[in-house]
Protein backbone atom coordinates (compact mmCIF):
# COMPACT_ATOMS: atom_id res chain seq x y z
CA UNK A 1 -216.02 69.01 -3.95
CA UNK A 2 -217.73 70.97 -6.93
CA UNK A 3 -221.22 72.92 -6.57
CA UNK A 4 -223.03 74.69 -8.94
CA UNK A 5 -225.94 76.56 -8.20
CA UNK A 6 -228.41 78.22 -10.33
CA UNK A 7 -225.83 78.68 -13.37
CA UNK A 8 -226.73 81.12 -16.08
CA UNK A 9 -224.73 81.62 -19.36
CA UNK A 10 -225.23 83.35 -22.65
CA UNK A 11 -223.90 83.21 -26.36
CA UNK A 12 -224.62 86.64 -27.44
CA UNK A 13 -228.06 87.41 -26.61
CA UNK A 14 -228.84 83.60 -26.50
CA UNK A 15 -229.70 82.58 -22.96
CA UNK A 16 -228.07 79.13 -22.92
CA UNK A 17 -227.96 78.03 -19.15
CA UNK A 18 -230.97 78.60 -17.39
CA UNK A 19 -230.54 78.01 -13.94
CA UNK A 20 -228.34 74.92 -13.83
CA UNK A 21 -227.80 73.35 -10.25
CA UNK A 22 -225.79 70.08 -9.63
CA UNK A 23 -222.60 69.03 -7.65
CA UNK A 24 -219.91 66.55 -7.77
CA UNK A 25 -218.51 64.77 -4.76
CA UNK A 26 -215.10 63.19 -3.82
CA UNK A 27 -214.25 60.01 -5.88
CA UNK A 28 -217.47 60.45 -7.92
CA UNK A 29 -218.22 59.97 -11.53
CA UNK A 30 -221.16 62.31 -12.57
CA UNK A 31 -222.79 62.15 -16.04
CA UNK A 32 -224.63 64.78 -17.80
CA UNK A 33 -227.00 63.54 -20.43
CA UNK A 34 -229.40 64.81 -22.73
CA UNK A 35 -229.84 65.72 -26.50
CA UNK A 36 -227.35 67.87 -28.55
CA UNK A 37 -227.72 71.60 -28.14
CA UNK A 38 -229.39 71.30 -24.52
CA UNK A 39 -226.22 72.95 -22.70
CA UNK A 40 -224.38 70.27 -21.82
CA UNK A 41 -221.00 71.09 -23.16
CA UNK A 42 -221.82 75.08 -22.30
CA UNK A 43 -222.02 73.86 -18.44
CA UNK A 44 -218.55 72.36 -18.62
CA UNK A 45 -217.21 75.47 -20.20
CA UNK A 46 -218.96 77.80 -18.02
CA UNK A 47 -217.62 75.89 -14.88
CA UNK A 48 -214.16 77.04 -16.76
CA UNK A 49 -215.15 80.63 -17.15
CA UNK A 50 -216.15 80.90 -20.66
CA UNK A 51 -218.70 81.63 -21.27
CA UNK A 52 -218.65 83.96 -18.55
CA UNK A 53 -221.08 82.39 -15.83
CA UNK A 54 -223.61 83.96 -13.82
CA UNK A 55 -224.14 82.07 -10.41
CA UNK A 56 -222.37 80.30 -7.67
CA UNK A 57 -219.96 77.94 -8.28
CA UNK A 58 -217.35 76.69 -5.49
CA UNK A 59 -214.56 74.08 -5.62
CA UNK A 60 -213.69 72.55 -2.52
CA UNK A 61 -215.54 75.78 -0.72
CA UNK A 62 -213.46 78.23 -2.88
CA UNK A 63 -215.52 80.73 -5.36
CA UNK A 64 -214.75 79.76 -8.91
CA UNK A 65 -217.07 82.16 -10.60
CA UNK A 66 -215.22 85.34 -12.06
CA UNK A 67 -211.72 83.94 -12.04
CA UNK A 68 -209.91 82.94 -15.24
CA UNK A 69 -209.58 79.50 -16.82
CA UNK A 70 -205.84 79.33 -15.77
CA UNK A 71 -206.97 80.70 -12.37
CA UNK A 72 -209.64 77.99 -12.13
CA UNK A 73 -207.02 75.21 -13.58
CA UNK A 74 -204.70 76.09 -10.70
CA UNK A 75 -207.42 75.22 -8.15
CA UNK A 76 -207.52 71.75 -9.44
CA UNK A 77 -210.16 71.59 -12.20
CA UNK A 78 -208.96 69.92 -15.37
CA UNK A 79 -210.80 70.32 -18.66
CA UNK A 80 -211.08 67.98 -21.64
CA UNK A 81 -212.49 69.60 -24.32
CA UNK A 82 -214.72 67.55 -27.30
CA UNK A 83 -212.34 68.94 -29.79
CA UNK A 84 -209.27 67.49 -27.83
CA UNK A 85 -207.05 70.27 -28.98
CA UNK A 86 -203.64 68.38 -28.98
CA UNK A 87 -200.63 69.94 -30.74
CA UNK A 88 -200.42 67.77 -33.63
CA UNK A 89 -196.65 68.95 -34.62
CA UNK A 90 -195.38 68.11 -31.37
CA UNK A 91 -194.71 64.66 -29.86
CA UNK A 92 -196.93 62.44 -27.57
CA UNK A 93 -194.18 63.08 -24.97
CA UNK A 94 -193.86 66.77 -25.49
CA UNK A 95 -197.73 67.18 -25.56
CA UNK A 96 -197.92 65.34 -22.06
CA UNK A 97 -194.97 67.34 -20.83
CA UNK A 98 -197.08 70.33 -21.64
CA UNK A 99 -199.79 69.20 -19.06
CA UNK A 100 -197.33 69.41 -15.89
CA UNK A 101 -198.57 72.23 -13.44
CA UNK A 102 -195.49 73.44 -11.79
CA UNK A 103 -194.93 73.78 -8.01
CA UNK A 104 -197.16 70.73 -7.53
CA UNK A 105 -195.71 68.51 -4.34
CA UNK A 106 -196.34 64.71 -4.76
CA UNK A 107 -198.49 64.87 -7.76
CA UNK A 108 -200.65 61.75 -8.32
CA UNK A 109 -199.84 61.58 -11.80
CA UNK A 110 -196.76 61.25 -13.51
CA UNK A 111 -195.18 60.41 -17.22
CA UNK A 112 -194.26 57.21 -15.99
CA UNK A 113 -197.69 56.28 -14.66
CA UNK A 114 -199.12 57.45 -17.86
CA UNK A 115 -196.61 54.80 -19.92
CA UNK A 116 -197.66 52.22 -17.33
CA UNK A 117 -201.19 52.84 -18.05
CA UNK A 118 -201.11 53.40 -21.57
CA UNK A 119 -197.94 51.25 -23.05
CA UNK A 120 -199.84 51.92 -26.40
CA UNK A 121 -198.97 55.88 -25.82
CA UNK A 122 -195.46 54.71 -24.64
CA UNK A 123 -194.86 52.99 -28.21
CA UNK A 124 -195.67 56.18 -29.87
CA UNK A 125 -193.94 58.55 -27.35
CA UNK A 126 -191.67 60.26 -30.28
CA UNK A 127 -194.39 60.54 -32.77
CA UNK A 128 -196.31 63.71 -33.78
CA UNK A 129 -199.61 63.72 -31.87
CA UNK A 130 -201.45 64.55 -35.41
CA UNK A 131 -199.88 60.86 -36.60
CA UNK A 132 -202.38 59.44 -33.59
CA UNK A 133 -205.70 57.77 -34.20
CA UNK A 134 -208.80 59.25 -32.94
CA UNK A 135 -208.74 57.04 -30.11
CA UNK A 136 -205.20 57.80 -29.16
CA UNK A 137 -205.64 61.48 -29.64
CA UNK A 138 -208.24 61.02 -26.93
CA UNK A 139 -206.10 59.28 -24.74
CA UNK A 140 -203.49 61.75 -24.77
CA UNK A 141 -205.81 64.50 -24.39
CA UNK A 142 -206.91 62.93 -20.93
CA UNK A 143 -203.66 61.95 -19.88
CA UNK A 144 -202.18 65.36 -20.59
CA UNK A 145 -205.12 67.30 -18.41
CA UNK A 146 -204.15 64.29 -15.86
CA UNK A 147 -200.33 65.72 -15.83
CA UNK A 148 -201.93 68.94 -14.03
CA UNK A 149 -202.50 66.76 -11.12
CA UNK A 150 -206.30 67.60 -10.96
CA UNK A 151 -208.67 66.84 -8.36
CA UNK A 152 -211.56 66.76 -10.42
CA UNK A 153 -211.60 66.53 -14.58
CA UNK A 154 -214.43 67.74 -16.72
CA UNK A 155 -214.46 65.69 -20.12
CA UNK A 156 -216.72 66.39 -23.05
CA UNK A 157 -217.73 63.72 -25.27
CA UNK A 158 -214.77 61.27 -24.91
CA UNK A 159 -216.16 58.64 -27.11
CA UNK A 160 -217.47 60.35 -29.86
CA UNK A 161 -216.26 59.24 -33.39
CA UNK A 162 -214.64 56.12 -31.71
CA UNK A 163 -214.53 52.55 -32.69
CA UNK A 164 -216.42 50.17 -30.46
CA UNK A 165 -213.19 48.78 -29.04
CA UNK A 166 -211.89 52.23 -28.13
CA UNK A 167 -214.88 53.24 -26.71
CA UNK A 168 -214.61 50.15 -24.14
CA UNK A 169 -210.84 51.35 -23.56
CA UNK A 170 -211.90 54.89 -22.71
CA UNK A 171 -214.60 53.69 -20.27
CA UNK A 172 -212.06 51.57 -18.56
CA UNK A 173 -209.85 54.92 -18.39
CA UNK A 174 -212.40 56.98 -16.77
CA UNK A 175 -212.96 54.47 -14.12
CA UNK A 176 -209.26 53.82 -13.47
CA UNK A 177 -208.86 57.67 -13.11
CA UNK A 178 -211.83 57.74 -10.45
CA UNK A 179 -210.50 54.68 -8.42
CA UNK A 180 -206.93 56.83 -7.97
CA UNK A 181 -209.20 59.33 -6.10
CA UNK A 182 -209.89 61.89 -9.14
CA UNK A 183 -213.46 62.94 -9.71
CA UNK A 184 -215.14 62.94 -12.89
CA UNK A 185 -217.78 65.41 -14.42
CA UNK A 186 -218.77 64.01 -17.93
CA UNK A 187 -220.86 65.05 -20.96
CA UNK A 188 -221.40 61.84 -22.77
CA UNK A 189 -223.97 60.79 -25.72
CA UNK A 190 -223.26 57.20 -25.19
CA UNK A 191 -225.95 56.27 -22.57
CA UNK A 192 -224.34 52.87 -22.38
CA UNK A 193 -221.01 53.90 -21.11
CA UNK A 194 -222.07 56.69 -19.11
CA UNK A 195 -224.76 54.44 -17.12
CA UNK A 196 -222.66 51.96 -16.54
CA UNK A 197 -219.43 53.63 -15.00
CA UNK A 198 -221.48 56.81 -13.46
CA UNK A 199 -222.50 56.94 -9.60
CA UNK A 200 -225.00 59.62 -10.34
CA UNK A 201 -226.70 61.23 -13.62
CA UNK A 202 -227.99 64.42 -14.56
CA UNK A 203 -230.38 64.93 -17.58
CA UNK A 204 -230.75 68.32 -19.13
CA UNK A 205 -233.50 69.91 -21.48
CA UNK A 206 -233.50 73.39 -22.78
CA UNK A 207 -230.68 74.70 -20.38
CA UNK A 208 -231.99 73.22 -17.39
CA UNK A 209 -231.53 70.12 -15.34
CA UNK A 210 -234.69 68.00 -15.33
CA UNK A 211 -233.63 65.10 -13.65
CA UNK A 212 -231.08 63.99 -10.85
CA UNK A 213 -230.47 60.36 -9.81
CA UNK A 214 -228.72 57.12 -10.13
CA UNK A 215 -228.34 54.83 -13.25
CA UNK A 216 -230.82 52.93 -11.75
CA UNK A 217 -233.14 55.47 -11.11
CA UNK A 218 -233.11 56.87 -14.56
CA UNK A 219 -233.34 53.31 -15.91
CA UNK A 220 -236.73 53.17 -14.03
CA UNK A 221 -237.91 56.46 -14.95
CA UNK A 222 -239.54 55.89 -18.64
CA UNK A 223 -241.12 59.34 -18.76
CA UNK A 224 -237.95 61.17 -18.55
CA UNK A 225 -235.83 58.94 -20.83
CA UNK A 226 -238.88 59.10 -23.47
CA UNK A 227 -239.16 62.86 -23.30
CA UNK A 228 -235.51 64.06 -22.80
CA UNK A 229 -233.02 61.20 -24.06
CA UNK A 230 -234.87 59.07 -26.57
CA UNK A 231 -234.93 59.67 -30.36
């Protein structure tokens, strides 16, 4: 589905991504792991076109690099940023409706589906987005992205700052999304969640991929975990 090859990205003169290669298949949950500052979030942003990437990115065989974020979204890639970026003065329902992509036939996600899966959001449908808890805002952001009917959704640190119960709920949501045929590329700091729900994982260090494999293979590789993940 998504293929990234020899991806480079810069912020000013800082060379952040230094030849990143990865792929995400149909119905897969793939996580990018690593310490803060190694380029995980930049990888997602570069795939979406900002910062402008250098390298080869294809999505369902179509070139992605060089397109605007708007064009990339219309190819079928959704992006949930770490900062959530909801509209605090708009209601929950209005935030969701803003995510709808026009002209999509037979969308796999609808407002009714969101209410069914998240009755908690339905109960707050008329509340302003800014009045929601952090966990509810994260649910809202993910569901708003799903309203655009993506084939792949990239999610940056969805459990950051959330209570343990909400962390578990977000993990369940991501599994539910994958079961509905939407692939996920996830950046996640909580290894327990990422290792439990992912089919494959990549570990990043210094702007490069230093490991690729299954969660079981990573658990068995003490040297990689000690050098690139453990504090």
